[in-house]
Amino acid sequence: MDGTPLPNVFQSSFATIEGLSTFKQNCYEMTAQIEHSDSRTYAWLAQRLKKPGAARAVGNALRDNAFPLFIPCHRVLKRDGKLGGYMGTDELNSWQLYLKKTFLELENSHQQ
């Protein structure tokens, strides 16, 4: 890879989709602020949302993310640094977790 930074394609209008709870909207907006080649934990995100102890709720909100390329939930990991789930599954050999890992590796290879 040539080190070219990836563009930030997030637009705040995606975080205000009708029908989402305020918690999900806030969760998606905070997730979209995680920089390329960086990652955070579900617990970190819950703390920033002023909902300590709501890491599982954050995971559930991200599981329902209909826009994973715009709201980069692949950057949110388990407390132990493992991948956690992605696109509704946490099966280790699933194509979804392979995709999450691939996204993280791609972003890391394009660090600024």
Protein backbone atom coordinates (compact mmCIF):
# COMPACT_ATOMS: atom_id res chain seq x y z
CA MET A 1 0.00 0.00 0.00
CA ASP A 2 1.14 3.51 -0.74
CA GLY A 3 0.14 5.16 2.57
CA THR A 4 -2.55 7.33 0.96
CA PRO A 5 -5.07 8.23 3.68
CA LEU A 6 -8.59 6.94 3.22
CA PRO A 7 -11.31 9.57 2.87
CA ASN A 8 -13.79 10.09 5.70
CA VAL A 9 -17.09 9.39 3.97
CA PHE A 10 -19.32 9.93 7.00
CA GLN A 11 -22.06 12.52 6.66
CA SER A 12 -23.96 13.53 9.78
CA SER A 13 -27.28 13.25 7.93
CA PHE A 14 -26.91 9.45 8.07
CA ALA A 15 -26.94 9.59 11.88
CA THR A 16 -30.41 11.11 11.99
CA ILE A 17 -32.34 8.46 10.11
CA GLU A 18 -35.99 8.41 11.13
CA GLY A 19 -37.03 5.67 13.49
CA LEU A 20 -33.74 5.33 15.34
CA SER A 21 -33.72 5.79 19.08
CA THR A 22 -31.76 8.69 20.49
CA PHE A 23 -29.34 6.15 21.98
CA LYS A 24 -28.67 4.57 18.57
CA GLN A 25 -28.29 7.96 16.91
CA ASN A 26 -25.79 9.03 19.56
CA CYS A 27 -23.99 5.70 19.34
CA TYR A 28 -23.65 5.95 15.56
CA GLU A 29 -22.52 9.56 15.69
CA MET A 30 -19.83 8.76 18.29
CA THR A 31 -18.73 5.68 16.34
CA ALA A 32 -18.35 7.79 13.19
CA GLN A 33 -15.86 10.00 15.06
CA ILE A 34 -13.41 7.13 15.61
CA GLU A 35 -10.48 7.91 13.33
CA HIS A 36 -9.22 5.64 10.55
CA SER A 37 -6.71 3.05 11.78
CA ASP A 38 -7.92 3.58 15.34
CA SER A 39 -10.21 1.39 17.40
CA ARG A 40 -12.16 1.67 20.63
CA THR A 41 -14.06 -0.73 22.86
CA TYR A 42 -17.78 -1.07 23.40
CA ALA A 43 -17.18 0.01 27.02
CA TRP A 44 -15.26 3.12 25.89
CA LEU A 45 -18.14 4.08 23.65
CA ALA A 46 -20.66 3.52 26.47
CA GLN A 47 -18.59 5.78 28.75
CA ARG A 48 -18.48 8.55 26.12
CA LEU A 49 -22.26 8.27 25.76
CA LYS A 50 -22.54 8.77 29.53
CA LYS A 51 -23.98 5.27 29.87
CA PRO A 52 -21.32 3.40 31.87
CA GLY A 53 -22.08 -0.28 32.00
CA ALA A 54 -24.00 -0.16 28.70
CA ALA A 55 -21.34 -1.85 26.58
CA ARG A 56 -23.76 -4.62 25.63
CA ALA A 57 -26.38 -2.04 24.59
CA VAL A 58 -23.72 -0.35 22.42
CA GLY A 59 -22.97 -3.72 20.82
CA ASN A 60 -26.65 -4.28 20.16
CA ALA A 61 -26.99 -0.83 18.58
CA LEU A 62 -23.97 -1.44 16.36
CA ARG A 63 -25.30 -4.88 15.41
CA ASP A 64 -28.29 -3.08 13.88
CA ASN A 65 -26.11 -0.61 11.94
CA ALA A 66 -27.54 -0.57 8.42
CA PHE A 67 -24.68 1.57 7.10
CA PRO A 68 -21.43 -0.16 8.18
CA LEU A 69 -19.32 1.64 5.58
CA PHE A 70 -20.55 5.07 6.67
CA ILE A 71 -20.84 4.36 10.38
CA PRO A 72 -17.61 2.39 10.90
CA CYS A 73 -18.66 -0.01 13.64
CA HIS A 74 -15.78 -2.30 12.58
CA ARG A 75 -13.56 0.04 14.65
CA VAL A 76 -15.29 -1.01 17.89
CA LEU A 77 -13.76 -4.04 19.62
CA LYS A 78 -14.23 -6.10 22.74
CA ARG A 79 -12.51 -5.04 25.94
CA ASP A 80 -9.84 -7.74 25.44
CA GLY A 81 -9.01 -6.38 21.96
CA LYS A 82 -10.74 -9.21 20.11
CA LEU A 83 -13.04 -8.44 17.21
CA GLY A 84 -16.39 -9.07 18.87
CA GLY A 85 -19.30 -9.26 16.46
CA TYR A 86 -19.97 -7.69 13.11
CA MET A 87 -23.11 -7.38 11.03
CA GLY A 88 -25.13 -9.45 13.47
CA THR A 89 -22.79 -12.37 14.06
CA ASP A 90 -19.90 -13.23 16.32
CA GLU A 91 -19.08 -16.64 14.82
CA LEU A 92 -15.30 -16.82 14.57
CA ASN A 93 -15.12 -18.25 11.06
CA SER A 94 -17.90 -16.13 9.58
CA TRP A 95 -17.45 -14.00 6.50
CA GLN A 96 -18.68 -11.03 8.57
CA LEU A 97 -15.81 -11.21 11.07
CA TYR A 98 -13.39 -11.80 8.22
CA LEU A 99 -14.73 -8.59 6.63
CA LYS A 100 -14.33 -6.66 9.92
CA LYS A 101 -10.74 -7.86 10.23
CA THR A 102 -10.08 -6.96 6.59
CA PHE A 103 -11.46 -3.43 7.04
CA LEU A 104 -9.23 -2.88 10.07
CA GLU A 105 -6.16 -4.19 8.24
CA LEU A 106 -6.92 -2.03 5.20
CA GLU A 107 -7.24 1.09 7.33
CA ASN A 108 -4.06 0.30 9.24
CA SER A 109 -2.18 -0.07 5.96
CA HIS A 110 -3.31 3.45 4.95
CA GLN A 111 -2.17 5.31 8.05
CA GLN A 112 -1.40 8.95 7.49
